[in-house]
Amino acid sequence: MPVVRATRRSSLRSIVVVRIGSGVQGIMNKLLRIIIADDHAVVRYGIRTALEANGMAEIVGEAGTADELIAAVKTVPCDLIVTDYAMPGGRTQDGVALIDRLKRIKPDMPIVVITALRNAAIHNKLMAKGVKAIVEKAGGVQELSFALLAAAQGRTYLSPGLESLLASASIVGPRVGHVAELTTAELEVIRLFAYDGLTATQISQRLNRSPKTISRHKINAQRKLGLSTNQELLEYCRNNDLSSA
């Protein structure tokens, strides 16, 4: 049963001013009705509290999983969606697949993605799918306010750190390499890691190789693919079917 909280619509229809310090970032003629989605309740609370406090938004729905977000978007009228990139659990895939699903339901709905992931290839893919803004979770409320205003006005926004990341990636070439660069052993190891959820020790037992050899294959695979962390490797495997590669 989806735990979707639909809030009472505010009667306030005055001009909304987004305050950034002592200045004014933008003016809109209504409150933004926003659905927020994150698998951590404390993050949702923080977003809701900050946006309602600065007077720019009315949070009309909340979701803790991709399933709940889909249910909310189908039933609760809103102007904009703010969603985490990674929300495991439930039947609906998160990540890029979730964005595809949301765009099929509401093709013109502005989407703002909040994420701790720093992967130029995935961020580029999100923008190509129609995401209007991507905000780093390490950023402040000010960044989120900029992003929401831009998305509501049909413009794009990237956190400064992500903008630099994508700019660097465009200069040095694609950050994520091609799976064809991997050896058979490297591909086998990351398949077992990403799709079977095995640790290096478990993979070494299954393949009858030393844990040191397995770790070396995994490290080499990540280097060739331009991936720095386990999370980035999992996201890469999620968005690129390596099961038959």
Protein backbone atom coordinates (compact mmCIF):
# COMPACT_ATOMS: atom_id res chain seq x y z
CA MET A 1 0.00 0.00 0.00
CA PRO A 2 1.69 3.24 -1.08
CA VAL A 3 2.43 5.63 1.79
CA VAL A 4 1.69 8.80 -0.14
CA ARG A 5 0.96 11.89 1.90
CA ALA A 6 -1.26 14.39 0.09
CA THR A 7 -1.24 17.68 1.96
CA ARG A 8 -4.02 20.25 2.23
CA ARG A 9 -3.80 22.81 -0.53
CA SER A 10 -2.92 26.25 0.72
CA SER A 11 -5.27 29.15 0.09
CA LEU A 12 -2.33 31.48 -0.28
CA ARG A 13 -2.15 32.73 -3.87
CA SER A 14 0.07 35.76 -3.39
CA ILE A 15 3.23 36.44 -5.35
CA VAL A 16 5.98 34.12 -4.23
CA VAL A 17 9.43 35.56 -3.75
CA VAL A 18 12.39 33.17 -3.57
CA ARG A 19 14.77 34.82 -1.10
CA ILE A 20 18.46 34.12 -1.50
CA GLY A 21 20.20 35.88 1.38
CA SER A 22 18.96 39.44 1.28
CA GLY A 23 18.36 39.43 -2.47
CA VAL A 24 15.60 38.12 -4.68
CA GLN A 25 16.29 35.25 -7.07
CA GLY A 26 12.98 35.12 -8.87
CA ILE A 27 9.29 35.89 -8.71
CA MET A 28 6.41 33.57 -9.55
CA ASN A 29 2.68 34.22 -9.45
CA LYS A 30 1.77 31.08 -7.49
CA LEU A 31 3.10 28.50 -5.10
CA LEU A 32 4.77 25.55 -6.76
CA ARG A 33 2.91 22.33 -5.98
CA ILE A 34 5.67 19.81 -5.49
CA ILE A 35 5.87 16.05 -4.92
CA ILE A 36 9.09 15.04 -3.17
CA ALA A 37 10.57 11.53 -3.20
CA ASP A 38 13.48 10.12 -1.22
CA ASP A 39 13.93 6.81 0.56
CA HIS A 40 15.07 8.61 3.72
CA ALA A 41 12.25 10.24 5.72
CA VAL A 42 14.62 12.73 7.32
CA VAL A 43 15.70 14.00 3.88
CA ARG A 44 12.06 14.47 2.83
CA TYR A 45 11.41 16.32 6.08
CA GLY A 46 14.37 18.60 5.50
CA ILE A 47 13.32 19.43 1.93
CA ARG A 48 9.71 20.02 2.92
CA THR A 49 10.62 22.22 5.88
CA ALA A 50 13.09 24.32 3.90
CA LEU A 51 10.85 24.89 0.89
CA GLU A 52 7.74 25.66 2.91
CA ALA A 53 9.74 28.01 5.14
CA ASN A 54 11.03 30.12 2.26
CA GLY A 55 7.51 30.46 0.87
CA MET A 56 8.14 29.15 -2.62
CA ALA A 57 6.39 25.79 -2.53
CA GLU A 58 3.53 23.71 -1.26
CA ILE A 59 4.44 20.05 -0.76
CA VAL A 60 1.38 18.19 -2.02
CA GLY A 61 2.79 14.66 -1.82
CA GLU A 62 5.66 12.57 -0.50
CA ALA A 63 7.04 9.18 -1.50
CA GLY A 64 9.70 6.89 -0.08
CA THR A 65 10.00 4.47 -3.01
CA ALA A 66 9.70 4.54 -6.78
CA ASP A 67 6.35 2.72 -6.47
CA GLU A 68 5.01 5.40 -4.14
CA LEU A 69 6.24 8.17 -6.42
CA ILE A 70 4.47 6.67 -9.43
CA ALA A 71 1.26 6.37 -7.39
CA ALA A 72 1.54 9.98 -6.22
CA VAL A 73 2.17 11.38 -9.71
CA LYS A 74 -0.85 9.51 -11.04
CA THR A 75 -3.22 10.77 -8.33
CA VAL A 76 -1.97 14.08 -6.94
CA PRO A 77 -1.98 17.25 -9.10
CA CYS A 78 1.42 18.93 -9.02
CA ASP A 79 3.64 21.36 -10.91
CA LEU A 80 7.01 19.72 -10.34
CA ILE A 81 8.69 16.54 -9.06
CA VAL A 82 11.77 16.45 -6.83
CA THR A 83 13.16 12.92 -6.61
CA ASP A 84 16.23 11.10 -5.38
CA TYR A 85 18.08 9.19 -8.09
CA ALA A 86 18.56 5.99 -6.09
CA MET A 87 15.52 4.62 -4.21
CA PRO A 88 15.88 0.84 -3.85
CA GLY A 89 12.94 -1.35 -2.94
CA GLY A 90 9.57 -1.91 -4.58
CA ARG A 91 8.65 -3.23 -7.98
CA THR A 92 9.42 -0.07 -9.96
CA GLN A 93 13.05 0.48 -10.94
CA ASP A 94 14.72 3.65 -9.78
CA GLY A 95 17.43 5.61 -11.59
CA VAL A 96 17.07 6.31 -15.31
CA ALA A 97 14.27 3.75 -15.62
CA LEU A 98 12.20 5.74 -13.11
CA ILE A 99 12.68 8.94 -15.10
CA ASP A 100 11.51 7.12 -18.24
CA ARG A 101 8.40 5.95 -16.40
CA LEU A 102 7.61 9.41 -15.04
CA LYS A 103 8.02 10.95 -18.48
CA ARG A 104 5.59 8.43 -19.96
CA ILE A 105 3.00 9.37 -17.35
CA LYS A 106 3.60 13.15 -17.40
CA PRO A 107 5.66 14.06 -20.49
CA ASP A 108 5.77 17.78 -19.73
CA MET A 109 6.29 17.57 -15.97
CA PRO A 110 9.54 19.27 -14.84
CA ILE A 111 11.74 16.87 -12.85
CA VAL A 112 14.51 17.83 -10.44
CA VAL A 113 16.86 15.01 -9.38
CA ILE A 114 18.79 15.14 -6.12
CA THR A 115 21.72 12.76 -5.83
CA ALA A 116 25.02 11.96 -4.16
CA LEU A 117 26.22 10.29 -7.36
CA ARG A 118 29.01 11.97 -9.32
CA ASN A 119 29.03 10.27 -12.70
CA ALA A 120 29.13 12.45 -15.81
CA ALA A 121 27.74 9.75 -18.11
CA ILE A 122 24.69 9.16 -15.92
CA HIS A 123 24.06 12.88 -15.43
CA ASN A 124 24.23 13.43 -19.18
CA LYS A 125 21.78 10.58 -19.68
CA LEU A 126 19.37 12.12 -17.16
CA MET A 127 19.47 15.47 -18.96
CA ALA A 128 18.93 13.72 -22.29
CA LYS A 129 15.85 12.03 -20.81
CA GLY A 130 14.37 15.43 -20.01
CA VAL A 131 15.42 16.05 -16.40
CA LYS A 132 15.48 19.82 -15.91
CA ALA A 133 17.83 20.06 -12.94
CA ILE A 134 20.29 17.92 -10.98
CA VAL A 135 21.25 18.96 -7.46
CA GLU A 136 24.01 17.46 -5.32
CA LYS A 137 22.84 16.28 -1.91
CA ALA A 138 25.92 17.95 -0.47
CA GLY A 139 24.59 21.30 -1.71
CA GLY A 140 22.46 23.65 0.33
CA VAL A 141 18.84 24.73 0.25
CA GLN A 142 19.89 27.71 -1.86
CA GLU A 143 20.96 25.38 -4.67
CA LEU A 144 17.66 23.51 -4.52
CA SER A 145 15.78 26.82 -4.69
CA PHE A 146 17.74 27.84 -7.79
CA ALA A 147 17.02 24.44 -9.35
CA LEU A 148 13.28 24.54 -8.65
CA LEU A 149 12.91 28.04 -10.02
CA ALA A 150 14.84 27.15 -13.18
CA ALA A 151 12.87 23.95 -13.75
CA ALA A 152 9.53 25.68 -13.20
CA GLN A 153 10.51 28.25 -15.84
CA GLY A 154 11.60 25.58 -18.32
CA ARG A 155 15.32 26.19 -17.85
CA THR A 156 18.02 23.72 -16.85
CA TYR A 157 20.18 23.83 -13.74
CA LEU A 158 23.17 21.86 -12.47
CA SER A 159 24.87 22.21 -9.10
CA PRO A 160 28.20 24.03 -9.61
CA GLY A 161 30.16 20.89 -8.75
CA LEU A 162 28.25 18.82 -11.29
CA GLU A 163 28.58 21.53 -13.92
CA SER A 164 32.36 21.38 -13.49
CA LEU A 165 32.26 17.58 -13.61
CA LEU A 166 30.36 17.53 -16.91
CA ALA A 167 32.56 20.26 -18.37
CA SER A 168 35.69 18.26 -17.50
CA ALA A 169 34.19 15.11 -18.98
CA SER A 170 33.44 16.90 -22.26
CA ILE A 171 37.05 18.11 -22.46
CA VAL A 172 38.82 14.84 -21.69
CA GLY A 173 36.26 12.65 -23.44
CA PRO A 174 33.60 10.30 -22.11
CA ARG A 175 34.29 9.38 -18.50
CA VAL A 176 32.70 5.96 -18.84
CA GLY A 177 34.45 3.54 -21.15
CA HIS A 178 32.96 0.77 -23.25
CA VAL A 179 32.37 -2.72 -21.93
CA ALA A 180 34.28 -4.11 -24.92
CA GLU A 181 37.48 -2.92 -23.23
CA LEU A 182 37.00 -5.47 -20.43
CA THR A 183 38.60 -8.90 -20.42
CA THR A 184 36.41 -11.97 -20.01
CA ALA A 185 37.58 -12.38 -16.41
CA GLU A 186 36.88 -8.72 -15.54
CA LEU A 187 33.41 -8.90 -17.06
CA GLU A 188 32.65 -12.11 -15.18
CA VAL A 189 33.67 -10.54 -11.87
CA ILE A 190 31.59 -7.37 -12.20
CA ARG A 191 28.56 -9.39 -13.33
CA LEU A 192 28.77 -11.48 -10.17
CA PHE A 193 29.30 -8.35 -8.09
CA ALA A 194 26.52 -6.25 -9.62
CA TYR A 195 23.85 -8.79 -10.56
CA ASP A 196 24.41 -11.57 -7.99
CA GLY A 197 25.42 -9.28 -5.13
CA LEU A 198 28.50 -11.34 -4.26
CA THR A 199 31.48 -10.05 -2.30
CA ALA A 200 35.07 -10.47 -3.52
CA THR A 201 35.50 -13.41 -1.15
CA GLN A 202 32.32 -15.10 -2.40
CA ILE A 203 33.33 -14.53 -6.03
CA SER A 204 36.76 -16.01 -5.35
CA GLN A 205 35.14 -19.12 -3.88
CA ARG A 206 32.76 -19.51 -6.80
CA LEU A 207 35.46 -19.04 -9.45
CA ASN A 208 38.15 -20.85 -7.47
CA ARG A 209 40.52 -17.89 -7.66
CA SER A 210 42.25 -15.91 -4.95
CA PRO A 211 40.48 -12.87 -3.43
CA LYS A 212 43.48 -10.79 -4.51
CA THR A 213 42.95 -11.81 -8.15
CA ILE A 214 39.23 -11.02 -7.94
CA SER A 215 39.92 -7.60 -6.43
CA ARG A 216 42.46 -6.86 -9.17
CA HIS A 217 39.92 -7.77 -11.90
CA LYS A 218 37.29 -5.52 -10.29
CA ILE A 219 39.69 -2.60 -9.90
CA ASN A 220 40.86 -2.94 -13.51
CA ALA A 221 37.26 -3.07 -14.75
CA GLN A 222 36.35 0.08 -12.83
CA ARG A 223 39.44 1.87 -14.15
CA LYS A 224 38.63 0.95 -17.77
CA LEU A 225 35.02 2.07 -17.34
CA GLY A 226 36.03 5.30 -15.61
CA LEU A 227 34.19 4.41 -12.40
CA SER A 228 35.54 5.32 -8.97
CA THR A 229 33.21 3.70 -6.45
CA ASN A 230 31.09 0.59 -5.94
CA GLN A 231 27.98 2.75 -6.22
CA GLU A 232 29.04 4.06 -9.63
CA LEU A 233 29.78 0.50 -10.78
CA LEU A 234 26.33 -0.66 -9.65
CA GLU A 235 24.67 2.29 -11.41
CA TYR A 236 26.63 1.58 -14.59
CA CYS A 237 25.56 -2.07 -14.56
CA ARG A 238 21.97 -1.06 -13.84
CA ASN A 239 21.84 1.25 -16.85
CA ASN A 240 23.85 -0.97 -19.21
CA ASP A 241 22.76 -4.59 -19.52
CA LEU A 242 25.96 -6.59 -19.13
CA SER A 243 24.22 -9.93 -18.62
CA SER A 244 24.71 -10.85 -22.27
CA ALA A 245 27.63 -8.56 -23.13
